[in-house]
Amino acid sequence: MIFLTRTNGTIIYINPELIQTVEATPDTVVTLISNKKLIVRDTPQEISERFIEYRRQTLAPYSERKSD
């Protein structure tokens, strides 16, 4: 899970695998695969970095097994 900050300051956690697109319009709009849209304070760059870190953490156990 990654966290996002709604425009009212509330922090929410979402499964980043459900993100379809992230747009800056100038607000950041996150569209989920269900077509639900979330407007958040976080920049697309911040969301991208959180997604990359999430993937590193979730794939690490598999990459460690390969090297054994």
C-alpha atoms as a PDB file:
ATOM      1  CA  MET A   1       0.000   0.000   0.000  1.00  0.00           C
ATOM      2  CA  ILE A   2       1.063   3.580  -0.607  1.00  0.00           C
ATOM      3  CA  PHE A   3      -0.318   6.698   1.008  1.00  0.00           C
ATOM      4  CA  LEU A   4      -1.882   9.662  -0.745  1.00  0.00           C
ATOM      5  CA  THR A   5      -3.041  12.947   0.759  1.00  0.00           C
ATOM      6  CA  ARG A   6      -6.498  14.181  -0.190  1.00  0.00           C
ATOM      7  CA  THR A   7      -6.971  17.904  -0.760  1.00  0.00           C
ATOM      8  CA  ASN A   8      -8.488  18.261   2.729  1.00  0.00           C
ATOM      9  CA  GLY A   9      -5.317  16.810   4.306  1.00  0.00           C
ATOM     10  CA  THR A  10      -6.712  13.344   5.027  1.00  0.00           C
ATOM     11  CA  ILE A  11      -4.226  10.553   4.376  1.00  0.00           C
ATOM     12  CA  ILE A  12      -5.536   7.497   2.556  1.00  0.00           C
ATOM     13  CA  TYR A  13      -3.800   4.245   1.675  1.00  0.00           C
ATOM     14  CA  ILE A  14      -4.403   2.560  -1.649  1.00  0.00           C
ATOM     15  CA  ASN A  15      -3.167  -0.489  -3.472  1.00  0.00           C
ATOM     16  CA  PRO A  16      -0.898   1.045  -6.130  1.00  0.00           C
ATOM     17  CA  GLU A  17      -1.570  -1.886  -8.457  1.00  0.00           C
ATOM     18  CA  LEU A  18      -5.037  -0.356  -8.953  1.00  0.00           C
ATOM     19  CA  ILE A  19      -3.705   2.925 -10.365  1.00  0.00           C
ATOM     20  CA  GLN A  20      -4.402   3.358 -14.062  1.00  0.00           C
ATOM     21  CA  THR A  21      -3.189   6.935 -14.609  1.00  0.00           C
ATOM     22  CA  VAL A  22      -1.808   9.917 -12.699  1.00  0.00           C
ATOM     23  CA  GLU A  23      -2.293  13.372 -14.207  1.00  0.00           C
ATOM     24  CA  ALA A  24      -1.356  16.905 -13.182  1.00  0.00           C
ATOM     25  CA  THR A  25      -4.217  19.165 -14.340  1.00  0.00           C
ATOM     26  CA  PRO A  26      -2.945  21.327 -12.269  1.00  0.00           C
ATOM     27  CA  ASP A  27      -4.336  19.274  -9.359  1.00  0.00           C
ATOM     28  CA  THR A  28      -3.101  15.710  -9.307  1.00  0.00           C
ATOM     29  CA  VAL A  29      -5.834  13.349 -10.454  1.00  0.00           C
ATOM     30  CA  VAL A  30      -5.336   9.636  -9.831  1.00  0.00           C
ATOM     31  CA  THR A  31      -7.588   7.373 -11.896  1.00  0.00           C
ATOM     32  CA  LEU A  32      -8.036   3.835 -10.636  1.00  0.00           C
ATOM     33  CA  ILE A  33      -8.778   0.840 -12.854  1.00  0.00           C
ATOM     34  CA  SER A  34     -12.401   1.081 -11.655  1.00  0.00           C
ATOM     35  CA  ASN A  35     -12.459   4.588 -13.254  1.00  0.00           C
ATOM     36  CA  LYS A  36     -12.826   6.177  -9.809  1.00  0.00           C
ATOM     37  CA  LYS A  37     -10.910   9.452  -9.667  1.00  0.00           C
ATOM     38  CA  LEU A  38      -9.075  10.794  -6.644  1.00  0.00           C
ATOM     39  CA  ILE A  39      -7.833  14.383  -6.402  1.00  0.00           C
ATOM     40  CA  VAL A  40      -4.772  14.512  -4.176  1.00  0.00           C
ATOM     41  CA  ARG A  41      -2.098  16.954  -2.980  1.00  0.00           C
ATOM     42  CA  ASP A  42       0.786  14.656  -3.887  1.00  0.00           C
ATOM     43  CA  THR A  43       2.632  15.334  -7.131  1.00  0.00           C
ATOM     44  CA  PRO A  44       2.793  12.724  -9.893  1.00  0.00           C
ATOM     45  CA  GLN A  45       6.540  12.461  -9.181  1.00  0.00           C
ATOM     46  CA  GLU A  46       5.926  11.662  -5.487  1.00  0.00           C
ATOM     47  CA  ILE A  47       3.324   9.046  -6.393  1.00  0.00           C
ATOM     48  CA  SER A  48       5.687   7.510  -8.935  1.00  0.00           C
ATOM     49  CA  GLU A  49       8.486   7.302  -6.372  1.00  0.00           C
ATOM     50  CA  ARG A  50       6.175   5.637  -3.846  1.00  0.00           C
ATOM     51  CA  PHE A  51       5.051   3.136  -6.468  1.00  0.00           C
ATOM     52  CA  ILE A  52       8.650   2.287  -7.376  1.00  0.00           C
ATOM     53  CA  GLU A  53       9.539   1.769  -3.703  1.00  0.00           C
ATOM     54  CA  TYR A  54       6.433  -0.392  -3.244  1.00  0.00           C
ATOM     55  CA  ARG A  55       7.498  -2.574  -6.186  1.00  0.00           C
ATOM     56  CA  ARG A  56      11.055  -2.881  -4.821  1.00  0.00           C
ATOM     57  CA  GLN A  57       9.712  -4.071  -1.484  1.00  0.00           C
ATOM     58  CA  THR A  58       7.219  -6.519  -2.956  1.00  0.00           C
ATOM     59  CA  LEU A  59       9.658  -8.005  -5.483  1.00  0.00           C
ATOM     60  CA  ALA A  60      12.670  -8.209  -3.130  1.00  0.00           C
ATOM     61  CA  PRO A  61      11.791 -11.644  -1.713  1.00  0.00           C
ATOM     62  CA  TYR A  62      11.686 -13.076  -5.255  1.00  0.00           C
ATOM     63  CA  SER A  63      14.961 -11.546  -6.382  1.00  0.00           C
ATOM     64  CA  GLU A  64      16.675 -12.838  -3.234  1.00  0.00           C
ATOM     65  CA  ARG A  65      15.536 -16.388  -4.037  1.00  0.00           C
ATOM     66  CA  LYS A  66      16.935 -16.176  -7.570  1.00  0.00           C
ATOM     67  CA  SER A  67      20.458 -15.477  -6.309  1.00  0.00           C
ATOM     68  CA  ASP A  68      20.456 -18.545  -4.002  1.00  0.00           C
END
